[in-house]
PDB file of N, CA and C in Angstrom:
ATOM      1  N   MET A   1      42.939  46.605  46.081  1.00  0.00           N
ATOM      2  CA  MET A   1      44.035  46.673  47.040  1.00  0.00           C
ATOM      3  C   MET A   1      43.445  46.792  48.447  1.00  0.00           C
ATOM      4  N   PRO A   2      43.915  45.968  49.390  1.00  0.00           N
ATOM      5  CA  PRO A   2      43.383  46.024  50.755  1.00  0.00           C
ATOM      6  C   PRO A   2      43.679  47.357  51.429  1.00  0.00           C
ATOM      7  N   LEU A   3      42.797  47.710  52.326  1.00  0.00           N
ATOM      8  CA  LEU A   3      42.941  48.957  53.067  1.00  0.00           C
ATOM      9  C   LEU A   3      44.171  48.918  53.966  1.00  0.00           C
ATOM     10  N   PHE A   4      44.450  47.762  54.579  1.00  0.00           N
ATOM     11  CA  PHE A   4      45.601  47.596  55.474  1.00  0.00           C
ATOM     12  C   PHE A   4      46.361  46.339  55.096  1.00  0.00           C
ATOM     13  N   ASN A   5      47.689  46.336  55.334  1.00  0.00           N
ATOM     14  CA  ASN A   5      48.444  45.101  55.136  1.00  0.00           C
ATOM     15  C   ASN A   5      48.177  44.166  56.310  1.00  0.00           C
ATOM     16  N   SER A   6      48.652  42.935  56.226  1.00  0.00           N
ATOM     17  CA  SER A   6      48.306  41.933  57.239  1.00  0.00           C
ATOM     18  C   SER A   6      48.860  42.285  58.620  1.00  0.00           C
ATOM     19  N   SER A   7      50.033  42.868  58.693  1.00  0.00           N
ATOM     20  CA  SER A   7      50.609  43.246  59.986  1.00  0.00           C
ATOM     21  C   SER A   7      49.781  44.339  60.658  1.00  0.00           C
ATOM     22  N   THR A   8      49.376  45.330  59.884  1.00  0.00           N
ATOM     23  CA  THR A   8      48.557  46.412  60.423  1.00  0.00           C
ATOM     24  C   THR A   8      47.195  45.886  60.849  1.00  0.00           C
ATOM     25  N   ARG A   9      46.613  44.991  60.053  1.00  0.00           N
ATOM     26  CA  ARG A   9      45.321  44.395  60.408  1.00  0.00           C
ATOM     27  C   ARG A   9      45.413  43.614  61.710  1.00  0.00           C
ATOM     28  N   ALA A  10      46.525  42.883  61.911  1.00  0.00           N
ATOM     29  CA  ALA A  10      46.691  42.102  63.136  1.00  0.00           C
ATOM     30  C   ALA A  10      46.774  43.027  64.354  1.00  0.00           C
ATOM     31  N   ARG A  11      47.546  44.107  64.244  1.00  0.00           N
ATOM     32  CA  ARG A  11      47.659  45.049  65.360  1.00  0.00           C
ATOM     33  C   ARG A  11      46.331  45.744  65.619  1.00  0.00           C
ATOM     34  N   LEU A  12      45.648  46.128  64.561  1.00  0.00           N
ATOM     35  CA  LEU A  12      44.350  46.773  64.703  1.00  0.00           C
ATOM     36  C   LEU A  12      43.356  45.814  65.346  1.00  0.00           C
ATOM     37  N   GLY A  13      43.372  44.559  64.906  1.00  0.00           N
ATOM     38  CA  GLY A  13      42.469  43.556  65.482  1.00  0.00           C
ATOM     39  C   GLY A  13      42.712  43.360  66.958  1.00  0.00           C
ATOM     40  N   PHE A  14      43.987  43.271  67.357  1.00  0.00           N
ATOM     41  CA  PHE A  14      44.306  43.111  68.776  1.00  0.00           C
ATOM     42  C   PHE A  14      43.863  44.335  69.559  1.00  0.00           C
ATOM     43  N   GLY A  15      44.079  45.516  69.023  1.00  0.00           N
ATOM     44  CA  GLY A  15      43.657  46.749  69.700  1.00  0.00           C
ATOM     45  C   GLY A  15      42.156  46.810  69.884  1.00  0.00           C
ATOM     46  N   LEU A  16      41.413  46.398  68.862  1.00  0.00           N
ATOM     47  CA  LEU A  16      39.954  46.385  68.963  1.00  0.00           C
ATOM     48  C   LEU A  16      39.480  45.362  69.993  1.00  0.00           C
ATOM     49  N   GLN A  17      40.128  44.206  70.027  1.00  0.00           N
ATOM     50  CA  GLN A  17      39.765  43.186  71.008  1.00  0.00           C
ATOM     51  C   GLN A  17      40.042  43.673  72.427  1.00  0.00           C
ATOM     52  N   LEU A  18      41.207  44.273  72.617  1.00  0.00           N
ATOM     53  CA  LEU A  18      41.554  44.801  73.936  1.00  0.00           C
ATOM     54  C   LEU A  18      40.554  45.883  74.365  1.00  0.00           C
ATOM     55  N   ALA A  19      40.206  46.762  73.439  1.00  0.00           N
ATOM     56  CA  ALA A  19      39.251  47.833  73.743  1.00  0.00           C
ATOM     57  C   ALA A  19      37.880  47.260  74.101  1.00  0.00           C
ATOM     58  N   ALA A  20      37.439  46.236  73.380  1.00  0.00           N
ATOM     59  CA  ALA A  20      36.130  45.631  73.647  1.00  0.00           C
ATOM     60  C   ALA A  20      36.090  45.017  75.040  1.00  0.00           C
ATOM     61  N   TRP A  21      37.122  44.274  75.405  1.00  0.00           N
ATOM     62  CA  TRP A  21      37.143  43.639  76.728  1.00  0.00           C
ATOM     63  C   TRP A  21      37.282  44.675  77.836  1.00  0.00           C
ATOM     64  N   CYS A  22      38.045  45.744  77.586  1.00  0.00           N
ATOM     65  CA  CYS A  22      38.149  46.824  78.581  1.00  0.00           C
ATOM     66  C   CYS A  22      36.809  47.531  78.757  1.00  0.00           C
ATOM     67  N   LEU A  23      36.094  47.726  77.653  1.00  0.00           N
ATOM     68  CA  LEU A  23      34.768  48.346  77.737  1.00  0.00           C
ATOM     69  C   LEU A  23      33.815  47.461  78.535  1.00  0.00           C
ATOM     70  N   LEU A  24      33.891  46.152  78.321  1.00  0.00           N
ATOM     71  CA  LEU A  24      33.052  45.237  79.108  1.00  0.00           C
ATOM     72  C   LEU A  24      33.400  45.334  80.594  1.00  0.00           C
ATOM     73  N   ALA A  25      34.683  45.416  80.909  1.00  0.00           N
ATOM     74  CA  ALA A  25      35.102  45.556  82.309  1.00  0.00           C
ATOM     75  C   ALA A  25      34.582  46.860  82.908  1.00  0.00           C
ATOM     76  N   LEU A  26      34.620  47.928  82.135  1.00  0.00           N
ATOM     77  CA  LEU A  26      34.114  49.211  82.604  1.00  0.00           C
ATOM     78  C   LEU A  26      32.608  49.148  82.854  1.00  0.00           C
ATOM     79  N   VAL A  27      31.878  48.571  81.921  1.00  0.00           N
ATOM     80  CA  VAL A  27      30.426  48.431  82.084  1.00  0.00           C
ATOM     81  C   VAL A  27      30.124  47.559  83.301  1.00  0.00           C
ATOM     82  N   ALA A  28      30.908  46.508  83.503  1.00  0.00           N
ATOM     83  CA  ALA A  28      30.700  45.642  84.668  1.00  0.00           C
ATOM     84  C   ALA A  28      30.939  46.416  85.964  1.00  0.00           C
ATOM     85  N   ALA A  29      32.009  47.196  86.000  1.00  0.00           N
ATOM     86  CA  ALA A  29      32.310  47.965  87.212  1.00  0.00           C
ATOM     87  C   ALA A  29      31.204  48.960  87.529  1.00  0.00           C
ATOM     88  N   VAL A  30      30.693  49.607  86.510  1.00  0.00           N
ATOM     89  CA  VAL A  30      29.622  50.593  86.711  1.00  0.00           C
ATOM     90  C   VAL A  30      28.318  49.894  87.090  1.00  0.00           C
ATOM     91  N   THR A  31      28.091  48.727  86.529  1.00  0.00           N
ATOM     92  CA  THR A  31      26.855  47.989  86.795  1.00  0.00           C
ATOM     93  C   THR A  31      26.827  47.382  88.191  1.00  0.00           C
ATOM     94  N   ILE A  32      27.960  46.889  88.654  1.00  0.00           N
ATOM     95  CA  ILE A  32      28.016  46.192  89.936  1.00  0.00           C
ATOM     96  C   ILE A  32      28.446  47.112  91.077  1.00  0.00           C
ATOM     97  N   GLY A  33      29.136  48.186  90.753  1.00  0.00           N
ATOM     98  CA  GLY A  33      29.639  49.097  91.784  1.00  0.00           C
ATOM     99  C   GLY A  33      28.524  49.850  92.487  1.00  0.00           C
ATOM    100  N   PRO A  34      28.901  50.635  93.487  1.00  0.00           N
ATOM    101  CA  PRO A  34      27.904  51.420  94.224  1.00  0.00           C
ATOM    102  C   PRO A  34      27.114  52.346  93.293  1.00  0.00           C
ATOM    103  N   ILE A  35      25.841  52.464  93.551  1.00  0.00           N
ATOM    104  CA  ILE A  35      24.948  53.247  92.690  1.00  0.00           C
ATOM    105  C   ILE A  35      25.398  54.698  92.593  1.00  0.00           C
ATOM    106  N   GLY A  36      26.011  55.211  93.647  1.00  0.00           N
ATOM    107  CA  GLY A  36      26.466  56.593  93.648  1.00  0.00           C
ATOM    108  C   GLY A  36      27.613  56.854  92.684  1.00  0.00           C
ATOM    109  N   LEU A  37      28.331  55.800  92.291  1.00  0.00           N
ATOM    110  CA  LEU A  37      29.454  55.958  91.362  1.00  0.00           C
ATOM    111  C   LEU A  37      29.032  55.808  89.901  1.00  0.00           C
ATOM    112  N   ARG A  38      27.768  55.446  89.685  1.00  0.00           N
ATOM    113  CA  ARG A  38      27.287  55.262  88.310  1.00  0.00           C
ATOM    114  C   ARG A  38      27.105  56.619  87.653  1.00  0.00           C
ATOM    115  N   PRO A  39      27.708  56.793  86.461  1.00  0.00           N
ATOM    116  CA  PRO A  39      27.514  58.072  85.772  1.00  0.00           C
ATOM    117  C   PRO A  39      26.072  58.213  85.291  1.00  0.00           C
ATOM    118  N   HIS A  40      25.584  59.430  85.275  1.00  0.00           N
ATOM    119  CA  HIS A  40      24.226  59.712  84.814  1.00  0.00           C
ATOM    120  C   HIS A  40      24.318  60.639  83.605  1.00  0.00           C
ATOM    121  N   VAL A  41      23.898  60.127  82.457  1.00  0.00           N
ATOM    122  CA  VAL A  41      23.946  60.941  81.235  1.00  0.00           C
ATOM    123  C   VAL A  41      22.573  61.098  80.593  1.00  0.00           C
ATOM    124  N   GLY A  42      21.581  60.474  81.169  1.00  0.00           N
ATOM    125  CA  GLY A  42      20.237  60.570  80.615  1.00  0.00           C
ATOM    126  C   GLY A  42      19.322  59.583  81.325  1.00  0.00           C
ATOM    127  N   PRO A  43      18.142  59.365  80.754  1.00  0.00           N
ATOM    128  CA  PRO A  43      17.228  58.382  81.343  1.00  0.00           C
ATOM    129  C   PRO A  43      17.905  57.014  81.450  1.00  0.00           C
ATOM    130  N   VAL A  44      17.645  56.327  82.547  1.00  0.00           N
ATOM    131  CA  VAL A  44      18.368  55.102  82.859  1.00  0.00           C
ATOM    132  C   VAL A  44      18.199  54.020  81.786  1.00  0.00           C
ATOM    133  N   GLY A  45      17.024  53.913  81.192  1.00  0.00           N
ATOM    134  CA  GLY A  45      16.812  52.925  80.132  1.00  0.00           C
ATOM    135  C   GLY A  45      17.667  53.206  78.912  1.00  0.00           C
ATOM    136  N   ILE A  46      17.804  54.481  78.589  1.00  0.00           N
ATOM    137  CA  ILE A  46      18.638  54.866  77.450  1.00  0.00           C
ATOM    138  C   ILE A  46      20.109  54.615  77.774  1.00  0.00           C
ATOM    139  N   GLU A  47      20.516  54.905  79.004  1.00  0.00           N
ATOM    140  CA  GLU A  47      21.895  54.634  79.413  1.00  0.00           C
ATOM    141  C   GLU A  47      22.222  53.150  79.265  1.00  0.00           C
ATOM    142  N   ARG A  48      21.313  52.303  79.726  1.00  0.00           N
ATOM    143  CA  ARG A  48      21.531  50.852  79.637  1.00  0.00           C
ATOM    144  C   ARG A  48      21.659  50.401  78.191  1.00  0.00           C
ATOM    145  N   SER A  49      20.714  50.826  77.367  1.00  0.00           N
ATOM    146  CA  SER A  49      20.737  50.368  75.983  1.00  0.00           C
ATOM    147  C   SER A  49      21.950  50.916  75.230  1.00  0.00           C
ATOM    148  N   LEU A  50      22.333  52.162  75.497  1.00  0.00           N
ATOM    149  CA  LEU A  50      23.505  52.731  74.822  1.00  0.00           C
ATOM    150  C   LEU A  50      24.793  52.045  75.255  1.00  0.00           C
ATOM    151  N   ALA A  51      24.911  51.724  76.534  1.00  0.00           N
ATOM    152  CA  ALA A  51      26.107  51.032  77.014  1.00  0.00           C
ATOM    153  C   ALA A  51      26.266  49.695  76.295  1.00  0.00           C
ATOM    154  N   PHE A  52      25.181  48.963  76.162  1.00  0.00           N
ATOM    155  CA  PHE A  52      25.273  47.660  75.513  1.00  0.00           C
ATOM    156  C   PHE A  52      25.287  47.772  73.996  1.00  0.00           C
ATOM    157  N   LEU A  53      24.736  48.833  73.437  1.00  0.00           N
ATOM    158  CA  LEU A  53      24.888  49.092  72.010  1.00  0.00           C
ATOM    159  C   LEU A  53      26.371  49.274  71.695  1.00  0.00           C
ATOM    160  N   LEU A  54      27.063  50.071  72.508  1.00  0.00           N
ATOM    161  CA  LEU A  54      28.500  50.268  72.322  1.00  0.00           C
ATOM    162  C   LEU A  54      29.274  48.965  72.498  1.00  0.00           C
ATOM    163  N   LEU A  55      28.869  48.159  73.472  1.00  0.00           N
ATOM    164  CA  LEU A  55      29.510  46.850  73.652  1.00  0.00           C
ATOM    165  C   LEU A  55      29.304  45.967  72.425  1.00  0.00           C
ATOM    166  N   GLY A  56      28.098  45.961  71.900  1.00  0.00           N
ATOM    167  CA  GLY A  56      27.821  45.166  70.698  1.00  0.00           C
ATOM    168  C   GLY A  56      28.668  45.613  69.528  1.00  0.00           C
ATOM    169  N   ILE A  57      28.775  46.923  69.332  1.00  0.00           N
ATOM    170  CA  ILE A  57      29.616  47.457  68.255  1.00  0.00           C
ATOM    171  C   ILE A  57      31.071  47.061  68.485  1.00  0.00           C
ATOM    172  N   ALA A  58      31.544  47.256  69.724  1.00  0.00           N
ATOM    173  CA  ALA A  58      32.950  46.967  70.033  1.00  0.00           C
ATOM    174  C   ALA A  58      33.286  45.503  69.770  1.00  0.00           C
ATOM    175  N   PHE A  59      32.452  44.581  70.240  1.00  0.00           N
ATOM    176  CA  PHE A  59      32.760  43.164  70.052  1.00  0.00           C
ATOM    177  C   PHE A  59      32.578  42.719  68.606  1.00  0.00           C
ATOM    178  N   ALA A  60      31.614  43.283  67.904  1.00  0.00           N
ATOM    179  CA  ALA A  60      31.435  42.922  66.500  1.00  0.00           C
ATOM    180  C   ALA A  60      32.602  43.416  65.654  1.00  0.00           C
ATOM    181  N   LEU A  61      33.147  44.581  65.973  1.00  0.00           N
ATOM    182  CA  LEU A  61      34.314  45.086  65.245  1.00  0.00           C
ATOM    183  C   LEU A  61      35.582  44.341  65.659  1.00  0.00           C
ATOM    184  N   ALA A  62      35.655  43.931  66.921  1.00  0.00           N
ATOM    185  CA  ALA A  62      36.831  43.210  67.405  1.00  0.00           C
ATOM    186  C   ALA A  62      36.903  41.790  66.837  1.00  0.00           C
ATOM    187  N   TYR A  63      35.758  41.195  66.590  1.00  0.00           N
ATOM    188  CA  TYR A  63      35.690  39.833  66.061  1.00  0.00           C
ATOM    189  C   TYR A  63      34.792  39.828  64.817  1.00  0.00           C
ATOM    190  N   PRO A  64      35.224  40.476  63.738  1.00  0.00           N
ATOM    191  CA  PRO A  64      34.349  40.683  62.573  1.00  0.00           C
ATOM    192  C   PRO A  64      33.907  39.406  61.863  1.00  0.00           C
ATOM    193  N   ARG A  65      34.658  38.353  61.977  1.00  0.00           N
ATOM    194  CA  ARG A  65      34.275  37.095  61.318  1.00  0.00           C
ATOM    195  C   ARG A  65      33.503  36.164  62.253  1.00  0.00           C
ATOM    196  N   ARG A  66      33.236  36.641  63.467  1.00  0.00           N
ATOM    197  CA  ARG A  66      32.511  35.834  64.459  1.00  0.00           C
ATOM    198  C   ARG A  66      31.392  36.646  65.106  1.00  0.00           C
ATOM    199  N   PRO A  67      30.391  37.056  64.348  1.00  0.00           N
ATOM    200  CA  PRO A  67      29.318  37.855  64.947  1.00  0.00           C
ATOM    201  C   PRO A  67      28.583  37.104  66.053  1.00  0.00           C
ATOM    202  N   TRP A  68      28.511  35.774  65.962  1.00  0.00           N
ATOM    203  CA  TRP A  68      27.862  34.981  67.007  1.00  0.00           C
ATOM    204  C   TRP A  68      28.585  35.150  68.338  1.00  0.00           C
ATOM    205  N   LEU A  69      29.927  35.327  68.298  1.00  0.00           N
ATOM    206  CA  LEU A  69      30.684  35.536  69.525  1.00  0.00           C
ATOM    207  C   LEU A  69      30.310  36.870  70.160  1.00  0.00           C
ATOM    208  N   ALA A  70      30.161  37.906  69.336  1.00  0.00           N
ATOM    209  CA  ALA A  70      29.759  39.218  69.846  1.00  0.00           C
ATOM    210  C   ALA A  70      28.380  39.126  70.497  1.00  0.00           C
ATOM    211  N   VAL A  71      27.452  38.442  69.852  1.00  0.00           N
ATOM    212  CA  VAL A  71      26.097  38.270  70.407  1.00  0.00           C
ATOM    213  C   VAL A  71      26.162  37.498  71.728  1.00  0.00           C
ATOM    214  N   LEU A  72      26.962  36.439  71.751  1.00  0.00           N
ATOM    215  CA  LEU A  72      27.086  35.619  72.959  1.00  0.00           C
ATOM    216  C   LEU A  72      27.675  36.420  74.119  1.00  0.00           C
ATOM    217  N   VAL A  73      28.741  37.170  73.870  1.00  0.00           N
ATOM    218  CA  VAL A  73      29.382  37.942  74.936  1.00  0.00           C
ATOM    219  C   VAL A  73      28.429  39.011  75.466  1.00  0.00           C
ATOM    220  N   VAL A  74      27.747  39.702  74.557  1.00  0.00           N
ATOM    221  CA  VAL A  74      26.837  40.767  74.980  1.00  0.00           C
ATOM    222  C   VAL A  74      25.656  40.193  75.770  1.00  0.00           C
ATOM    223  N   ALA A  75      25.042  39.150  75.268  1.00  0.00           N
ATOM    224  CA  ALA A  75      23.875  38.573  75.942  1.00  0.00           C
ATOM    225  C   ALA A  75      24.270  37.923  77.270  1.00  0.00           C
ATOM    226  N   ALA A  76      25.343  37.134  77.255  1.00  0.00           N
ATOM    227  CA  ALA A  76      25.784  36.494  78.502  1.00  0.00           C
ATOM    228  C   ALA A  76      26.270  37.546  79.502  1.00  0.00           C
ATOM    229  N   GLY A  77      26.982  38.546  79.004  1.00  0.00           N
ATOM    230  CA  GLY A  77      27.444  39.613  79.894  1.00  0.00           C
ATOM    231  C   GLY A  77      26.280  40.320  80.560  1.00  0.00           C
ATOM    232  N   ALA A  78      25.256  40.628  79.787  1.00  0.00           N
ATOM    233  CA  ALA A  78      24.079  41.291  80.354  1.00  0.00           C
ATOM    234  C   ALA A  78      23.411  40.400  81.395  1.00  0.00           C
ATOM    235  N   GLY A  79      23.267  39.126  81.083  1.00  0.00           N
ATOM    236  CA  GLY A  79      22.636  38.197  82.018  1.00  0.00           C
ATOM    237  C   GLY A  79      23.428  38.033  83.303  1.00  0.00           C
ATOM    238  N   ILE A  80      24.726  37.879  83.164  1.00  0.00           N
ATOM    239  CA  ILE A  80      25.577  37.712  84.350  1.00  0.00           C
ATOM    240  C   ILE A  80      25.553  38.977  85.206  1.00  0.00           C
ATOM    241  N   LEU A  81      25.656  40.128  84.561  1.00  0.00           N
ATOM    242  CA  LEU A  81      25.658  41.380  85.327  1.00  0.00           C
ATOM    243  C   LEU A  81      24.322  41.623  86.023  1.00  0.00           C
ATOM    244  N   GLU A  82      23.221  41.316  85.363  1.00  0.00           N
ATOM    245  CA  GLU A  82      21.921  41.469  86.013  1.00  0.00           C
ATOM    246  C   GLU A  82      21.811  40.513  87.194  1.00  0.00           C
ATOM    247  N   GLY A  83      22.309  39.288  87.028  1.00  0.00           N
ATOM    248  CA  GLY A  83      22.281  38.332  88.130  1.00  0.00           C
ATOM    249  C   GLY A  83      23.150  38.785  89.298  1.00  0.00           C
ATOM    250  N   LEU A  84      24.327  39.312  88.991  1.00  0.00           N
ATOM    251  CA  LEU A  84      25.220  39.789  90.047  1.00  0.00           C
ATOM    252  C   LEU A  84      24.637  40.983  90.794  1.00  0.00           C
ATOM    253  N   GLN A  85      23.820  41.762  90.113  1.00  0.00           N
ATOM    254  CA  GLN A  85      23.210  42.912  90.788  1.00  0.00           C
ATOM    255  C   GLN A  85      22.322  42.486  91.951  1.00  0.00           C
ATOM    256  N   THR A  86      21.783  41.278  91.899  1.00  0.00           N
ATOM    257  CA  THR A  86      20.942  40.814  93.009  1.00  0.00           C
ATOM    258  C   THR A  86      21.761  40.551  94.268  1.00  0.00           C
ATOM    259  N   LEU A  87      23.088  40.445  94.119  1.00  0.00           N
ATOM    260  CA  LEU A  87      23.961  40.201  95.268  1.00  0.00           C
ATOM    261  C   LEU A  87      24.460  41.490  95.911  1.00  0.00           C
ATOM    262  N   VAL A  88      24.247  42.612  95.244  1.00  0.00           N
ATOM    263  CA  VAL A  88      24.706  43.908  95.749  1.00  0.00           C
ATOM    264  C   VAL A  88      23.533  44.567  96.469  1.00  0.00           C
ATOM    265  N   PRO A  89      23.715  44.958  97.742  1.00  0.00           N
ATOM    266  CA  PRO A  89      22.587  45.469  98.539  1.00  0.00           C
ATOM    267  C   PRO A  89      21.809  46.619  97.898  1.00  0.00           C
ATOM    268  N   GLU A  90      22.470  47.586  97.306  1.00  0.00           N
ATOM    269  CA  GLU A  90      21.741  48.744  96.777  1.00  0.00           C
ATOM    270  C   GLU A  90      21.388  48.602  95.294  1.00  0.00           C
ATOM    271  N   ARG A  91      21.638  47.443  94.741  1.00  0.00           N
ATOM    272  CA  ARG A  91      21.314  47.187  93.336  1.00  0.00           C
ATOM    273  C   ARG A  91      20.231  46.128  93.240  1.00  0.00           C
ATOM    274  N   HIS A  92      19.629  46.025  92.082  1.00  0.00           N
ATOM    275  CA  HIS A  92      18.594  45.018  91.861  1.00  0.00           C
ATOM    276  C   HIS A  92      18.570  44.653  90.377  1.00  0.00           C
ATOM    277  N   GLY A  93      18.681  43.380  90.096  1.00  0.00           N
ATOM    278  CA  GLY A  93      18.583  42.907  88.725  1.00  0.00           C
ATOM    279  C   GLY A  93      17.127  42.690  88.362  1.00  0.00           C
ATOM    280  N   GLN A  94      16.759  43.104  87.155  1.00  0.00           N
ATOM    281  CA  GLN A  94      15.374  42.936  86.712  1.00  0.00           C
ATOM    282  C   GLN A  94      15.354  42.389  85.294  1.00  0.00           C
ATOM    283  N   TRP A  95      14.333  41.602  85.007  1.00  0.00           N
ATOM    284  CA  TRP A  95      14.189  41.023  83.672  1.00  0.00           C
ATOM    285  C   TRP A  95      14.043  42.109  82.611  1.00  0.00           C
ATOM    286  N   SER A  96      13.325  43.177  82.944  1.00  0.00           N
ATOM    287  CA  SER A  96      13.130  44.240  81.950  1.00  0.00           C
ATOM    288  C   SER A  96      14.457  44.927  81.619  1.00  0.00           C
ATOM    289  N   ASP A  97      15.314  45.103  82.625  1.00  0.00           N
ATOM    290  CA  ASP A  97      16.637  45.690  82.382  1.00  0.00           C
ATOM    291  C   ASP A  97      17.467  44.776  81.487  1.00  0.00           C
ATOM    292  N   LEU A  98      17.362  43.473  81.744  1.00  0.00           N
ATOM    293  CA  LEU A  98      18.084  42.499  80.924  1.00  0.00           C
ATOM    294  C   LEU A  98      17.647  42.603  79.460  1.00  0.00           C
ATOM    295  N   GLY A  99      16.349  42.712  79.239  1.00  0.00           N
ATOM    296  CA  GLY A  99      15.842  42.834  77.871  1.00  0.00           C
ATOM    297  C   GLY A  99      16.351  44.079  77.169  1.00  0.00           C
ATOM    298  N   VAL A 100      16.381  45.187  77.877  1.00  0.00           N
ATOM    299  CA  VAL A 100      16.863  46.447  77.303  1.00  0.00           C
ATOM    300  C   VAL A 100      18.337  46.328  76.935  1.00  0.00           C
ATOM    301  N   LYS A 101      19.118  45.716  77.822  1.00  0.00           N
ATOM    302  CA  LYS A 101      20.554  45.569  77.576  1.00  0.00           C
ATOM    303  C   LYS A 101      20.823  44.646  76.390  1.00  0.00           C
ATOM    304  N   ILE A 102      20.139  43.519  76.346  1.00  0.00           N
ATOM    305  CA  ILE A 102      20.353  42.583  75.241  1.00  0.00           C
ATOM    306  C   ILE A 102      19.905  43.212  73.918  1.00  0.00           C
ATOM    307  N   ALA A 103      18.777  43.901  73.925  1.00  0.00           N
ATOM    308  CA  ALA A 103      18.310  44.556  72.696  1.00  0.00           C
ATOM    309  C   ALA A 103      19.327  45.587  72.213  1.00  0.00           C
ATOM    310  N   GLY A 104      19.841  46.406  73.122  1.00  0.00           N
ATOM    311  CA  GLY A 104      20.853  47.387  72.744  1.00  0.00           C
ATOM    312  C   GLY A 104      22.094  46.726  72.176  1.00  0.00           C
ATOM    313  N   GLY A 105      22.528  45.647  72.807  1.00  0.00           N
ATOM    314  CA  GLY A 105      23.702  44.928  72.321  1.00  0.00           C
ATOM    315  C   GLY A 105      23.497  44.319  70.951  1.00  0.00           C
ATOM    316  N   LEU A 106      22.321  43.742  70.717  1.00  0.00           N
ATOM    317  CA  LEU A 106      22.035  43.142  69.410  1.00  0.00           C
ATOM    318  C   LEU A 106      21.983  44.201  68.312  1.00  0.00           C
ATOM    319  N   VAL A 107      21.410  45.341  68.608  1.00  0.00           N
ATOM    320  CA  VAL A 107      21.395  46.438  67.627  1.00  0.00           C
ATOM    321  C   VAL A 107      22.828  46.865  67.317  1.00  0.00           C
ATOM    322  N   GLY A 108      23.673  46.942  68.348  1.00  0.00           N
ATOM    323  CA  GLY A 108      25.073  47.300  68.136  1.00  0.00           C
ATOM    324  C   GLY A 108      25.792  46.311  67.239  1.00  0.00           C
ATOM    325  N   VAL A 109      25.578  45.016  67.471  1.00  0.00           N
ATOM    326  CA  VAL A 109      26.207  43.983  66.634  1.00  0.00           C
ATOM    327  C   VAL A 109      25.720  44.128  65.192  1.00  0.00           C
ATOM    328  N   MET A 110      24.418  44.340  65.010  1.00  0.00           N
ATOM    329  CA  MET A 110      23.882  44.472  63.654  1.00  0.00           C
ATOM    330  C   MET A 110      24.433  45.715  62.939  1.00  0.00           C
ATOM    331  N   LEU A 111      24.537  46.831  63.658  1.00  0.00           N
ATOM    332  CA  LEU A 111      25.104  48.039  63.051  1.00  0.00           C
ATOM    333  C   LEU A 111      26.552  47.816  62.630  1.00  0.00           C
ATOM    334  N   ALA A 112      27.332  47.203  63.509  1.00  0.00           N
ATOM    335  CA  ALA A 112      28.736  46.954  63.193  1.00  0.00           C
ATOM    336  C   ALA A 112      28.869  45.972  62.031  1.00  0.00           C
ATOM    337  N   GLN A 113      28.039  44.949  62.002  1.00  0.00           N
ATOM    338  CA  GLN A 113      28.099  44.000  60.886  1.00  0.00           C
ATOM    339  C   GLN A 113      27.738  44.678  59.565  1.00  0.00           C
ATOM    340  N   GLY A 114      26.790  45.596  59.607  1.00  0.00           N
ATOM    341  CA  GLY A 114      26.472  46.365  58.400  1.00  0.00           C
ATOM    342  C   GLY A 114      27.655  47.194  57.940  1.00  0.00           C
ATOM    343  N   LEU A 115      28.334  47.832  58.871  1.00  0.00           N
ATOM    344  CA  LEU A 115      29.523  48.618  58.539  1.00  0.00           C
ATOM    345  C   LEU A 115      30.621  47.726  57.964  1.00  0.00           C
ATOM    346  N   ILE A 116      30.828  46.582  58.570  1.00  0.00           N
ATOM    347  CA  ILE A 116      31.841  45.638  58.079  1.00  0.00           C
ATOM    348  C   ILE A 116      31.535  45.211  56.658  1.00  0.00           C
ATOM    349  N   ARG A 117      30.284  44.929  56.370  1.00  0.00           N
ATOM    350  CA  ARG A 117      29.901  44.521  55.004  1.00  0.00           C
ATOM    351  C   ARG A 117      30.120  45.644  54.003  1.00  0.00           C
ATOM    352  N   LEU A 118      29.821  46.870  54.418  1.00  0.00           N
ATOM    353  CA  LEU A 118      30.068  48.021  53.527  1.00  0.00           C
ATOM    354  C   LEU A 118      31.549  48.172  53.237  1.00  0.00           C
ATOM    355  N   ILE A 119      32.376  48.029  54.243  1.00  0.00           N
ATOM    356  CA  ILE A 119      33.824  48.146  54.054  1.00  0.00           C
ATOM    357  C   ILE A 119      34.337  47.047  53.149  1.00  0.00           C
ATOM    358  N   ARG A 120      33.906  45.830  53.394  1.00  0.00           N
ATOM    359  CA  ARG A 120      34.349  44.709  52.557  1.00  0.00           C
ATOM    360  C   ARG A 120      33.893  44.879  51.115  1.00  0.00           C
ATOM    361  N   ALA A 121      32.673  45.339  50.916  1.00  0.00           N
ATOM    362  CA  ALA A 121      32.162  45.566  49.561  1.00  0.00           C
ATOM    363  C   ALA A 121      32.963  46.654  48.855  1.00  0.00           C
ATOM    364  N   SER A 122      33.328  47.704  49.578  1.00  0.00           N
ATOM    365  CA  SER A 122      34.087  48.778  48.940  1.00  0.00           C
ATOM    366  C   SER A 122      35.497  48.323  48.597  1.00  0.00           C
ATOM    367  N   GLN A 123      36.065  47.414  49.372  1.00  0.00           N
ATOM    368  CA  GLN A 123      37.399  46.900  49.077  1.00  0.00           C
ATOM    369  C   GLN A 123      37.396  45.976  47.877  1.00  0.00           C
ATOM    370  N   CYS A 124      36.260  45.349  47.610  1.00  0.00           N
ATOM    371  CA  CYS A 124      36.144  44.448  46.457  1.00  0.00           C
ATOM    372  C   CYS A 124      35.710  45.195  45.200  1.00  0.00           C
ATOM    373  N   GLY A 125      35.469  46.486  45.325  1.00  0.00           N
ATOM    374  CA  GLY A 125      35.040  47.285  44.179  1.00  0.00           C
ATOM    375  C   GLY A 125      33.578  47.171  43.871  1.00  0.00           C
ATOM    376  N   LYS A 126      32.804  46.582  44.803  1.00  0.00           N
ATOM    377  CA  LYS A 126      31.368  46.482  44.594  1.00  0.00           C
ATOM    378  C   LYS A 126      30.713  47.777  45.070  1.00  0.00           C
ATOM    379  N   PRO A 127      29.614  48.169  44.456  1.00  0.00           N
ATOM    380  CA  PRO A 127      28.926  49.394  44.893  1.00  0.00           C
ATOM    381  C   PRO A 127      28.272  49.247  46.250  1.00  0.00           C
TER     382      PRO A 127
END
């Protein structure tokens, strides 16, 4: 028996998609906005990777049958945001930052895909 009926799944899917795109907008605002408005929760490299790890998870859960889309959005988003940082006077885009962001995003997509597979297996009665 499925965990959710089709109507509930559709609403949940839309909610996850909306949350993923809102999270991307938030990350973009923090990335491009003034440096003084950026929240500080730890070492900057860890902040970058965690932000994109969460983005990877969010997009992979929002589009569970399209993991390539989650990878594309996370990687392109990181690239675009790093490029835009070169246009902001107090910001600077760097290749190393791009690598950290993409790596974090890919790990997030992989974690979410693993969770999705576990859920699907449990719904089918597989161990």
